[in-house]
Amino acid sequence: PAPVENQPVTPFMILEGVSSSRPEFLDFIAFSIFVDTPKAE
């Protein structure tokens, strides 16, 4: 993959992916969403 270069910092930003609300990130996260989908799907 190419480097991500100069990605703008915006007033709201989204951290997306498995473990994005892990305990180590909680001091940085203002709001968390969990997408609940059956594992088979």
PDB file of all heavy atoms in Angstrom:
ATOM      1  N   PRO A   1       0.818  -1.218   0.000  1.00  0.00           N
ATOM      2  CA  PRO A   1       0.000   0.000   0.000  1.00  0.00           C
ATOM      3  C   PRO A   1       0.852   1.268   0.000  1.00  0.00           C
ATOM      4  O   PRO A   1       1.928   1.313   0.599  1.00  0.00           O
ATOM      5  CB  PRO A   1      -0.807  -0.113   1.294  1.00  0.00           C
ATOM      6  CG  PRO A   1       0.006  -0.996   2.175  1.00  0.00           C
ATOM      7  CD  PRO A   1       0.742  -1.939   1.263  1.00  0.00           C
ATOM      8  N   ALA A   2       0.345   2.260  -0.695  1.00  0.00           N
ATOM      9  CA  ALA A   2       1.013   3.566  -0.714  1.00  0.00           C
ATOM     10  C   ALA A   2       0.824   4.238   0.640  1.00  0.00           C
ATOM     11  O   ALA A   2      -0.161   3.982   1.344  1.00  0.00           O
ATOM     12  CB  ALA A   2       0.415   4.432  -1.825  1.00  0.00           C
ATOM     13  N   PRO A   3       1.748   5.105   1.018  1.00  0.00           N
ATOM     14  CA  PRO A   3       1.567   5.845   2.274  1.00  0.00           C
ATOM     15  C   PRO A   3       0.317   6.729   2.209  1.00  0.00           C
ATOM     16  O   PRO A   3      -0.069   7.192   1.139  1.00  0.00           O
ATOM     17  CB  PRO A   3       2.822   6.719   2.360  1.00  0.00           C
ATOM     18  CG  PRO A   3       3.779   6.177   1.371  1.00  0.00           C
ATOM     19  CD  PRO A   3       2.992   5.454   0.332  1.00  0.00           C
ATOM     20  N   VAL A   4      -0.299   6.908   3.350  1.00  0.00           N
ATOM     21  CA  VAL A   4      -1.354   7.909   3.479  1.00  0.00           C
ATOM     22  C   VAL A   4      -0.618   9.198   3.815  1.00  0.00           C
ATOM     23  O   VAL A   4       0.057   9.283   4.837  1.00  0.00           O
ATOM     24  CB  VAL A   4      -2.363   7.534   4.584  1.00  0.00           C
ATOM     25  CG1 VAL A   4      -3.343   8.672   4.825  1.00  0.00           C
ATOM     26  CG2 VAL A   4      -3.077   6.236   4.235  1.00  0.00           C
ATOM     27  N   GLU A   5      -0.713  10.169   2.928  1.00  0.00           N
ATOM     28  CA  GLU A   5       0.040  11.406   3.106  1.00  0.00           C
ATOM     29  C   GLU A   5      -0.884  12.602   3.220  1.00  0.00           C
ATOM     30  O   GLU A   5      -1.801  12.773   2.423  1.00  0.00           O
ATOM     31  CB  GLU A   5       1.001  11.614   1.925  1.00  0.00           C
ATOM     32  CG  GLU A   5       2.078  10.545   1.864  1.00  0.00           C
ATOM     33  CD  GLU A   5       3.054  10.748   0.732  1.00  0.00           C
ATOM     34  OE1 GLU A   5       2.709  11.451  -0.249  1.00  0.00           O
ATOM     35  OE2 GLU A   5       4.171  10.211   0.826  1.00  0.00           O
ATOM     36  N   ASN A   6      -0.646  13.404   4.245  1.00  0.00           N
ATOM     37  CA  ASN A   6      -1.373  14.651   4.453  1.00  0.00           C
ATOM     38  C   ASN A   6      -2.885  14.456   4.493  1.00  0.00           C
ATOM     39  O   ASN A   6      -3.628  15.235   3.910  1.00  0.00           O
ATOM     40  CB  ASN A   6      -0.979  15.686   3.395  1.00  0.00           C
ATOM     41  CG  ASN A   6       0.505  15.981   3.447  1.00  0.00           C
ATOM     42  OD1 ASN A   6       1.065  16.195   4.513  1.00  0.00           O
ATOM     43  ND2 ASN A   6       1.150  15.953   2.289  1.00  0.00           N
ATOM     44  N   GLN A   7      -3.330  13.421   5.210  1.00  0.00           N
ATOM     45  CA  GLN A   7      -4.764  13.245   5.396  1.00  0.00           C
ATOM     46  C   GLN A   7      -5.262  14.386   6.283  1.00  0.00           C
ATOM     47  O   GLN A   7      -4.735  14.603   7.379  1.00  0.00           O
ATOM     48  CB  GLN A   7      -5.072  11.899   6.043  1.00  0.00           C
ATOM     49  CG  GLN A   7      -6.563  11.655   6.215  1.00  0.00           C
ATOM     50  CD  GLN A   7      -6.866  10.269   6.765  1.00  0.00           C
ATOM     51  OE1 GLN A   7      -6.002   9.600   7.320  1.00  0.00           O
ATOM     52  NE2 GLN A   7      -8.103   9.848   6.615  1.00  0.00           N
ATOM     53  N   PRO A   8      -6.261  15.132   5.823  1.00  0.00           N
ATOM     54  CA  PRO A   8      -6.723  16.278   6.614  1.00  0.00           C
ATOM     55  C   PRO A   8      -7.285  15.868   7.969  1.00  0.00           C
ATOM     56  O   PRO A   8      -7.907  14.819   8.102  1.00  0.00           O
ATOM     57  CB  PRO A   8      -7.836  16.883   5.745  1.00  0.00           C
ATOM     58  CG  PRO A   8      -7.625  16.329   4.378  1.00  0.00           C
ATOM     59  CD  PRO A   8      -6.975  14.989   4.561  1.00  0.00           C
ATOM     60  N   VAL A   9      -7.054  16.708   8.942  1.00  0.00           N
ATOM     61  CA  VAL A   9      -7.682  16.555  10.252  1.00  0.00           C
ATOM     62  C   VAL A   9      -8.962  17.375  10.210  1.00  0.00           C
ATOM     63  O   VAL A   9      -8.940  18.559   9.880  1.00  0.00           O
ATOM     64  CB  VAL A   9      -6.742  17.038  11.376  1.00  0.00           C
ATOM     65  CG1 VAL A   9      -7.466  17.035  12.714  1.00  0.00           C
ATOM     66  CG2 VAL A   9      -5.498  16.158  11.427  1.00  0.00           C
ATOM     67  N   THR A  10     -10.077  16.729  10.512  1.00  0.00           N
ATOM     68  CA  THR A  10     -11.384  17.368  10.439  1.00  0.00           C
ATOM     69  C   THR A  10     -11.991  17.469  11.845  1.00  0.00           C
ATOM     70  O   THR A  10     -11.560  16.767  12.762  1.00  0.00           O
ATOM     71  CB  THR A  10     -12.309  16.566   9.505  1.00  0.00           C
ATOM     72  OG1 THR A  10     -12.302  15.176   9.884  1.00  0.00           O
ATOM     73  CG2 THR A  10     -11.848  16.674   8.053  1.00  0.00           C
ATOM     74  N   PRO A  11     -13.000  18.325  12.040  1.00  0.00           N
ATOM     75  CA  PRO A  11     -13.600  18.461  13.368  1.00  0.00           C
ATOM     76  C   PRO A  11     -14.137  17.151  13.935  1.00  0.00           C
ATOM     77  O   PRO A  11     -14.042  16.898  15.126  1.00  0.00           O
ATOM     78  CB  PRO A  11     -14.724  19.473  13.142  1.00  0.00           C
ATOM     79  CG  PRO A  11     -14.259  20.298  11.991  1.00  0.00           C
ATOM     80  CD  PRO A  11     -13.532  19.331  11.094  1.00  0.00           C
ATOM     81  N   PHE A  12     -14.710  16.312  13.065  1.00  0.00           N
ATOM     82  CA  PHE A  12     -15.104  14.962  13.445  1.00  0.00           C
ATOM     83  C   PHE A  12     -14.254  14.006  12.619  1.00  0.00           C
ATOM     84  O   PHE A  12     -14.050  14.217  11.421  1.00  0.00           O
ATOM     85  CB  PHE A  12     -16.582  14.697  13.138  1.00  0.00           C
ATOM     86  CG  PHE A  12     -17.534  15.549  13.915  1.00  0.00           C
ATOM     87  CD1 PHE A  12     -18.482  16.317  13.263  1.00  0.00           C
ATOM     88  CD2 PHE A  12     -17.509  15.587  15.299  1.00  0.00           C
ATOM     89  CE1 PHE A  12     -19.380  17.099  13.969  1.00  0.00           C
ATOM     90  CE2 PHE A  12     -18.391  16.373  16.019  1.00  0.00           C
ATOM     91  CZ  PHE A  12     -19.338  17.130  15.349  1.00  0.00           C
ATOM     92  N   MET A  13     -13.754  12.957  13.260  1.00  0.00           N
ATOM     93  CA  MET A  13     -13.020  11.916  12.544  1.00  0.00           C
ATOM     94  C   MET A  13     -13.538  10.566  13.001  1.00  0.00           C
ATOM     95  O   MET A  13     -14.042  10.429  14.127  1.00  0.00           O
ATOM     96  CB  MET A  13     -11.510  12.043  12.763  1.00  0.00           C
ATOM     97  CG  MET A  13     -10.950  13.302  12.117  1.00  0.00           C
ATOM     98  SD  MET A  13      -9.152  13.433  12.127  1.00  0.00           S
ATOM     99  CE  MET A  13      -8.716  12.317  10.798  1.00  0.00           C
ATOM    100  N   ILE A  14     -13.439   9.581  12.103  1.00  0.00           N
ATOM    101  CA  ILE A  14     -13.956   8.246  12.368  1.00  0.00           C
ATOM    102  C   ILE A  14     -12.796   7.259  12.413  1.00  0.00           C
ATOM    103  O   ILE A  14     -11.983   7.213  11.495  1.00  0.00           O
ATOM    104  CB  ILE A  14     -14.969   7.833  11.279  1.00  0.00           C
ATOM    105  CG1 ILE A  14     -16.174   8.788  11.289  1.00  0.00           C
ATOM    106  CG2 ILE A  14     -15.412   6.385  11.472  1.00  0.00           C
ATOM    107  CD1 ILE A  14     -17.108   8.620  10.108  1.00  0.00           C
ATOM    108  N   LEU A  15     -12.738   6.493  13.488  1.00  0.00           N
ATOM    109  CA  LEU A  15     -11.801   5.379  13.607  1.00  0.00           C
ATOM    110  C   LEU A  15     -12.622   4.123  13.398  1.00  0.00           C
ATOM    111  O   LEU A  15     -13.488   3.804  14.206  1.00  0.00           O
ATOM    112  CB  LEU A  15     -11.122   5.373  14.975  1.00  0.00           C
ATOM    113  CG  LEU A  15     -10.090   4.280  15.204  1.00  0.00           C
ATOM    114  CD1 LEU A  15      -8.908   4.433  14.238  1.00  0.00           C
ATOM    115  CD2 LEU A  15      -9.596   4.312  16.642  1.00  0.00           C
ATOM    116  N   GLU A  16     -12.371   3.429  12.283  1.00  0.00           N
ATOM    117  CA  GLU A  16     -13.224   2.325  11.861  1.00  0.00           C
ATOM    118  C   GLU A  16     -12.447   1.034  11.811  1.00  0.00           C
ATOM    119  O   GLU A  16     -11.372   0.982  11.236  1.00  0.00           O
ATOM    120  CB  GLU A  16     -13.795   2.663  10.472  1.00  0.00           C
ATOM    121  CG  GLU A  16     -14.539   1.555   9.796  1.00  0.00           C
ATOM    122  CD  GLU A  16     -13.664   0.567   9.029  1.00  0.00           C
ATOM    123  OE1 GLU A  16     -12.662   0.963   8.415  1.00  0.00           O
ATOM    124  OE2 GLU A  16     -13.989  -0.637   9.085  1.00  0.00           O
ATOM    125  N   GLY A  17     -12.998  -0.017  12.428  1.00  0.00           N
ATOM    126  CA  GLY A  17     -12.401  -1.333  12.316  1.00  0.00           C
ATOM    127  C   GLY A  17     -12.523  -2.137  13.597  1.00  0.00           C
ATOM    128  O   GLY A  17     -12.881  -1.607  14.651  1.00  0.00           O
ATOM    129  N   VAL A  18     -12.215  -3.427  13.468  1.00  0.00           N
ATOM    130  CA  VAL A  18     -12.258  -4.317  14.627  1.00  0.00           C
ATOM    131  C   VAL A  18     -11.294  -3.789  15.685  1.00  0.00           C
ATOM    132  O   VAL A  18     -10.132  -3.525  15.403  1.00  0.00           O
ATOM    133  CB  VAL A  18     -11.857  -5.753  14.224  1.00  0.00           C
ATOM    134  CG1 VAL A  18     -11.832  -6.655  15.461  1.00  0.00           C
ATOM    135  CG2 VAL A  18     -12.799  -6.308  13.170  1.00  0.00           C
ATOM    136  N   SER A  19     -11.784  -3.588  16.854  1.00  0.00           N
ATOM    137  CA  SER A  19     -11.076  -3.112  18.048  1.00  0.00           C
ATOM    138  C   SER A  19     -10.860  -1.610  18.062  1.00  0.00           C
ATOM    139  O   SER A  19     -10.041  -1.106  18.825  1.00  0.00           O
ATOM    140  CB  SER A  19      -9.754  -3.861  18.279  1.00  0.00           C
ATOM    141  OG  SER A  19      -8.718  -3.357  17.482  1.00  0.00           O
ATOM    142  N   SER A  20     -11.626  -0.861  17.285  1.00  0.00           N
ATOM    143  CA  SER A  20     -11.482   0.601  17.286  1.00  0.00           C
ATOM    144  C   SER A  20     -11.951   1.239  18.591  1.00  0.00           C
ATOM    145  O   SER A  20     -11.642   2.399  18.853  1.00  0.00           O
ATOM    146  CB  SER A  20     -12.237   1.221  16.104  1.00  0.00           C
ATOM    147  OG  SER A  20     -13.621   0.932  16.201  1.00  0.00           O
ATOM    148  N   SER A  21     -12.677   0.489  19.401  1.00  0.00           N
ATOM    149  CA  SER A  21     -13.080   1.028  20.706  1.00  0.00           C
ATOM    150  C   SER A  21     -12.386   0.274  21.841  1.00  0.00           C
ATOM    151  O   SER A  21     -12.902   0.180  22.948  1.00  0.00           O
ATOM    152  CB  SER A  21     -14.602   0.977  20.869  1.00  0.00           C
ATOM    153  OG  SER A  21     -15.089  -0.349  20.750  1.00  0.00           O
ATOM    154  N   ARG A  22     -11.188  -0.219  21.557  1.00  0.00           N
ATOM    155  CA  ARG A  22     -10.402  -0.955  22.551  1.00  0.00           C
ATOM    156  C   ARG A  22     -10.102  -0.050  23.758  1.00  0.00           C
ATOM    157  O   ARG A  22     -10.089   1.174  23.635  1.00  0.00           O
ATOM    158  CB  ARG A  22      -9.126  -1.509  21.931  1.00  0.00           C
ATOM    159  CG  ARG A  22      -8.154  -0.478  21.444  1.00  0.00           C
ATOM    160  CD  ARG A  22      -6.956  -1.085  20.715  1.00  0.00           C
ATOM    161  NE  ARG A  22      -6.289  -2.076  21.515  1.00  0.00           N
ATOM    162  CZ  ARG A  22      -6.206  -3.375  21.181  1.00  0.00           C
ATOM    163  NH1 ARG A  22      -6.706  -3.804  20.050  1.00  0.00           N
ATOM    164  NH2 ARG A  22      -5.601  -4.226  21.984  1.00  0.00           N
ATOM    165  N   PRO A  23      -9.880  -0.630  24.931  1.00  0.00           N
ATOM    166  CA  PRO A  23      -9.651   0.172  26.139  1.00  0.00           C
ATOM    167  C   PRO A  23      -8.533   1.207  25.991  1.00  0.00           C
ATOM    168  O   PRO A  23      -8.638   2.311  26.531  1.00  0.00           O
ATOM    169  CB  PRO A  23      -9.304  -0.871  27.205  1.00  0.00           C
ATOM    170  CG  PRO A  23      -9.972  -2.124  26.746  1.00  0.00           C
ATOM    171  CD  PRO A  23      -9.913  -2.077  25.239  1.00  0.00           C
ATOM    172  N   GLU A  24      -7.490   0.885  25.245  1.00  0.00           N
ATOM    173  CA  GLU A  24      -6.369   1.813  25.083  1.00  0.00           C
ATOM    174  C   GLU A  24      -6.749   3.083  24.327  1.00  0.00           C
ATOM    175  O   GLU A  24      -6.037   4.085  24.376  1.00  0.00           O
ATOM    176  CB  GLU A  24      -5.206   1.115  24.344  1.00  0.00           C
ATOM    177  CG  GLU A  24      -4.578  -0.019  25.116  1.00  0.00           C
ATOM    178  CD  GLU A  24      -5.285  -1.363  24.916  1.00  0.00           C
ATOM    179  OE1 GLU A  24      -6.347  -1.425  24.260  1.00  0.00           O
ATOM    180  OE2 GLU A  24      -4.757  -2.355  25.446  1.00  0.00           O
ATOM    181  N   PHE A  25      -7.872   3.064  23.626  1.00  0.00           N
ATOM    182  CA  PHE A  25      -8.313   4.228  22.846  1.00  0.00           C
ATOM    183  C   PHE A  25      -9.391   5.053  23.551  1.00  0.00           C
ATOM    184  O   PHE A  25      -9.781   6.107  23.056  1.00  0.00           O
ATOM    185  CB  PHE A  25      -8.870   3.786  21.479  1.00  0.00           C
ATOM    186  CG  PHE A  25      -7.873   3.153  20.561  1.00  0.00           C
ATOM    187  CD1 PHE A  25      -8.310   2.382  19.502  1.00  0.00           C
ATOM    188  CD2 PHE A  25      -6.498   3.302  20.732  1.00  0.00           C
ATOM    189  CE1 PHE A  25      -7.405   1.780  18.625  1.00  0.00           C
ATOM    190  CE2 PHE A  25      -5.583   2.707  19.874  1.00  0.00           C
ATOM    191  CZ  PHE A  25      -6.047   1.947  18.814  1.00  0.00           C
ATOM    192  N   LEU A  26      -9.907   4.578  24.662  1.00  0.00           N
ATOM    193  CA  LEU A  26     -11.080   5.210  25.259  1.00  0.00           C
ATOM    194  C   LEU A  26     -10.884   6.680  25.622  1.00  0.00           C
ATOM    195  O   LEU A  26     -11.830   7.465  25.544  1.00  0.00           O
ATOM    196  CB  LEU A  26     -11.575   4.408  26.463  1.00  0.00           C
ATOM    197  CG  LEU A  26     -12.128   3.021  26.121  1.00  0.00           C
ATOM    198  CD1 LEU A  26     -12.648   2.332  27.373  1.00  0.00           C
ATOM    199  CD2 LEU A  26     -13.192   3.087  25.034  1.00  0.00           C
ATOM    200  N   ASP A  27      -9.684   7.077  25.998  1.00  0.00           N
ATOM    201  CA  ASP A  27      -9.449   8.483  26.327  1.00  0.00           C
ATOM    202  C   ASP A  27      -9.513   9.383  25.093  1.00  0.00           C
ATOM    203  O   ASP A  27      -9.592  10.604  25.218  1.00  0.00           O
ATOM    204  CB  ASP A  27      -8.081   8.666  26.994  1.00  0.00           C
ATOM    205  CG  ASP A  27      -8.051   8.117  28.409  1.00  0.00           C
ATOM    206  OD1 ASP A  27      -9.134   7.913  29.003  1.00  0.00           O
ATOM    207  OD2 ASP A  27      -6.945   7.894  28.926  1.00  0.00           O
ATOM    208  N   PHE A  28      -9.482   8.782  23.902  1.00  0.00           N
ATOM    209  CA  PHE A  28      -9.475   9.547  22.661  1.00  0.00           C
ATOM    210  C   PHE A  28     -10.822   9.521  21.935  1.00  0.00           C
ATOM    211  O   PHE A  28     -11.022  10.258  20.978  1.00  0.00           O
ATOM    212  CB  PHE A  28      -8.403   8.992  21.709  1.00  0.00           C
ATOM    213  CG  PHE A  28      -7.030   8.933  22.303  1.00  0.00           C
ATOM    214  CD1 PHE A  28      -6.498   7.728  22.752  1.00  0.00           C
ATOM    215  CD2 PHE A  28      -6.264  10.076  22.422  1.00  0.00           C
ATOM    216  CE1 PHE A  28      -5.225   7.661  23.298  1.00  0.00           C
ATOM    217  CE2 PHE A  28      -4.986  10.022  22.971  1.00  0.00           C
ATOM    218  CZ  PHE A  28      -4.469   8.810  23.411  1.00  0.00           C
ATOM    219  N   ILE A  29     -11.725   8.657  22.349  1.00  0.00           N
ATOM    220  CA  ILE A  29     -12.989   8.430  21.642  1.00  0.00           C
ATOM    221  C   ILE A  29     -14.127   9.169  22.349  1.00  0.00           C
ATOM    222  O   ILE A  29     -14.368   8.964  23.528  1.00  0.00           O
ATOM    223  CB  ILE A  29     -13.308   6.917  21.579  1.00  0.00           C
ATOM    224  CG1 ILE A  29     -12.183   6.138  20.904  1.00  0.00           C
ATOM    225  CG2 ILE A  29     -14.646   6.668  20.900  1.00  0.00           C
ATOM    226  CD1 ILE A  29     -11.930   6.476  19.463  1.00  0.00           C
ATOM    227  N   ALA A  30     -14.840  10.003  21.590  1.00  0.00           N
ATOM    228  CA  ALA A  30     -15.968  10.743  22.157  1.00  0.00           C
ATOM    229  C   ALA A  30     -17.270   9.950  22.089  1.00  0.00           C
ATOM    230  O   ALA A  30     -18.171  10.159  22.900  1.00  0.00           O
ATOM    231  CB  ALA A  30     -16.148  12.073  21.415  1.00  0.00           C
ATOM    232  N   PHE A  31     -17.372   9.039  21.105  1.00  0.00           N
ATOM    233  CA  PHE A  31     -18.620   8.295  20.905  1.00  0.00           C
ATOM    234  C   PHE A  31     -18.285   6.999  20.188  1.00  0.00           C
ATOM    235  O   PHE A  31     -17.483   7.002  19.250  1.00  0.00           O
ATOM    236  CB  PHE A  31     -19.599   9.116  20.056  1.00  0.00           C
ATOM    237  CG  PHE A  31     -21.001   8.588  20.030  1.00  0.00           C
ATOM    238  CD1 PHE A  31     -21.902   8.945  21.019  1.00  0.00           C
ATOM    239  CD2 PHE A  31     -21.423   7.749  19.014  1.00  0.00           C
ATOM    240  CE1 PHE A  31     -23.208   8.459  20.997  1.00  0.00           C
ATOM    241  CE2 PHE A  31     -22.712   7.255  18.986  1.00  0.00           C
ATOM    242  CZ  PHE A  31     -23.618   7.615  19.969  1.00  0.00           C
ATOM    243  N   SER A  32     -18.873   5.891  20.630  1.00  0.00           N
ATOM    244  CA  SER A  32     -18.575   4.606  19.992  1.00  0.00           C
ATOM    245  C   SER A  32     -19.854   3.920  19.506  1.00  0.00           C
ATOM    246  O   SER A  32     -20.890   3.957  20.173  1.00  0.00           O
ATOM    247  CB  SER A  32     -17.821   3.683  20.951  1.00  0.00           C
ATOM    248  OG  SER A  32     -18.633   3.376  22.072  1.00  0.00           O
ATOM    249  N   ILE A  33     -19.730   3.322  18.334  1.00  0.00           N
ATOM    250  CA  ILE A  33     -20.822   2.546  17.731  1.00  0.00           C
ATOM    251  C   ILE A  33     -20.331   1.112  17.572  1.00  0.00           C
ATOM    252  O   ILE A  33     -19.198   0.883  17.154  1.00  0.00           O
ATOM    253  CB  ILE A  33     -21.227   3.115  16.359  1.00  0.00           C
ATOM    254  CG1 ILE A  33     -21.794   4.529  16.509  1.00  0.00           C
ATOM    255  CG2 ILE A  33     -22.251   2.208  15.673  1.00  0.00           C
ATOM    256  CD1 ILE A  33     -22.116   5.208  15.189  1.00  0.00           C
ATOM    257  N   PHE A  34     -21.197   0.163  17.878  1.00  0.00           N
ATOM    258  CA  PHE A  34     -20.912  -1.243  17.619  1.00  0.00           C
ATOM    259  C   PHE A  34     -21.887  -1.725  16.556  1.00  0.00           C
ATOM    260  O   PHE A  34     -23.101  -1.582  16.703  1.00  0.00           O
ATOM    261  CB  PHE A  34     -21.068  -2.081  18.888  1.00  0.00           C
ATOM    262  CG  PHE A  34     -20.644  -3.507  18.717  1.00  0.00           C
ATOM    263  CD1 PHE A  34     -19.316  -3.865  18.871  1.00  0.00           C
ATOM    264  CD2 PHE A  34     -21.559  -4.494  18.364  1.00  0.00           C
ATOM    265  CE1 PHE A  34     -18.904  -5.184  18.693  1.00  0.00           C
ATOM    266  CE2 PHE A  34     -21.163  -5.800  18.185  1.00  0.00           C
ATOM    267  CZ  PHE A  34     -19.831  -6.150  18.348  1.00  0.00           C
ATOM    268  N   VAL A  35     -21.358  -2.289  15.463  1.00  0.00           N
ATOM    269  CA  VAL A  35     -22.196  -2.836  14.394  1.00  0.00           C
ATOM    270  C   VAL A  35     -22.385  -4.321  14.689  1.00  0.00           C
ATOM    271  O   VAL A  35     -21.436  -5.103  14.630  1.00  0.00           O
ATOM    272  CB  VAL A  35     -21.566  -2.619  13.004  1.00  0.00           C
ATOM    273  CG1 VAL A  35     -22.496  -3.165  11.921  1.00  0.00           C
ATOM    274  CG2 VAL A  35     -21.290  -1.141  12.767  1.00  0.00           C
ATOM    275  N   ASP A  36     -23.606  -4.683  15.031  1.00  0.00           N
ATOM    276  CA  ASP A  36     -23.939  -6.034  15.462  1.00  0.00           C
ATOM    277  C   ASP A  36     -24.504  -6.822  14.287  1.00  0.00           C
ATOM    278  O   ASP A  36     -25.594  -6.514  13.797  1.00  0.00           O
ATOM    279  CB  ASP A  36     -24.958  -5.954  16.599  1.00  0.00           C
ATOM    280  CG  ASP A  36     -25.111  -7.251  17.351  1.00  0.00           C
ATOM    281  OD1 ASP A  36     -24.240  -8.127  17.228  1.00  0.00           O
ATOM    282  OD2 ASP A  36     -26.120  -7.392  18.072  1.00  0.00           O
ATOM    283  N   THR A  37     -23.740  -7.812  13.845  1.00  0.00           N
ATOM    284  CA  THR A  37     -24.116  -8.644  12.706  1.00  0.00           C
ATOM    285  C   THR A  37     -23.791 -10.091  13.059  1.00  0.00           C
ATOM    286  O   THR A  37     -22.720 -10.350  13.612  1.00  0.00           O
ATOM    287  CB  THR A  37     -23.322  -8.221  11.443  1.00  0.00           C
ATOM    288  OG1 THR A  37     -23.536  -6.825  11.218  1.00  0.00           O
ATOM    289  CG2 THR A  37     -23.757  -8.993  10.212  1.00  0.00           C
ATOM    290  N   PRO A  38     -24.691 -11.041  12.748  1.00  0.00           N
ATOM    291  CA  PRO A  38     -24.387 -12.445  13.057  1.00  0.00           C
ATOM    292  C   PRO A  38     -23.064 -12.895  12.434  1.00  0.00           C
ATOM    293  O   PRO A  38     -22.743 -12.516  11.300  1.00  0.00           O
ATOM    294  CB  PRO A  38     -25.569 -13.209  12.448  1.00  0.00           C
ATOM    295  CG  PRO A  38     -26.682 -12.211  12.419  1.00  0.00           C
ATOM    296  CD  PRO A  38     -26.027 -10.881  12.156  1.00  0.00           C
ATOM    297  N   LYS A  39     -22.301 -13.687  13.184  1.00  0.00           N
ATOM    298  CA  LYS A  39     -20.976 -14.108  12.717  1.00  0.00           C
ATOM    299  C   LYS A  39     -21.031 -14.867  11.393  1.00  0.00           C
ATOM    300  O   LYS A  39     -20.147 -14.711  10.551  1.00  0.00           O
ATOM    301  CB  LYS A  39     -20.281 -14.952  13.784  1.00  0.00           C
ATOM    302  CG  LYS A  39     -19.758 -14.124  14.936  1.00  0.00           C
ATOM    303  CD  LYS A  39     -19.159 -14.976  16.028  1.00  0.00           C
ATOM    304  CE  LYS A  39     -17.866 -15.617  15.597  1.00  0.00           C
ATOM    305  NZ  LYS A  39     -17.191 -16.320  16.721  1.00  0.00           N
ATOM    306  N   ALA A  40     -22.070 -15.668  11.181  1.00  0.00           N
ATOM    307  CA  ALA A  40     -22.178 -16.407   9.918  1.00  0.00           C
ATOM    308  C   ALA A  40     -22.293 -15.439   8.741  1.00  0.00           C
ATOM    309  O   ALA A  40     -21.698 -15.667   7.676  1.00  0.00           O
ATOM    310  CB  ALA A  40     -23.372 -17.360   9.957  1.00  0.00           C
ATOM    311  N   GLU A  41     -23.025 -14.366   8.929  1.00  0.00           N
ATOM    312  CA  GLU A  41     -23.155 -13.358   7.867  1.00  0.00           C
ATOM    313  C   GLU A  41     -21.844 -12.601   7.678  1.00  0.00           C
ATOM    314  O   GLU A  41     -21.445 -12.303   6.552  1.00  0.00           O
ATOM    315  CB  GLU A  41     -24.289 -12.384   8.197  1.00  0.00           C
ATOM    316  CG  GLU A  41     -24.476 -11.248   7.212  1.00  0.00           C
ATOM    317  CD  GLU A  41     -24.847 -11.691   5.799  1.00  0.00           C
ATOM    318  OE1 GLU A  41     -25.150 -12.880   5.559  1.00  0.00           O
ATOM    319  OE2 GLU A  41     -24.831 -10.820   4.909  1.00  0.00           O
TER     320      GLU A  41
END
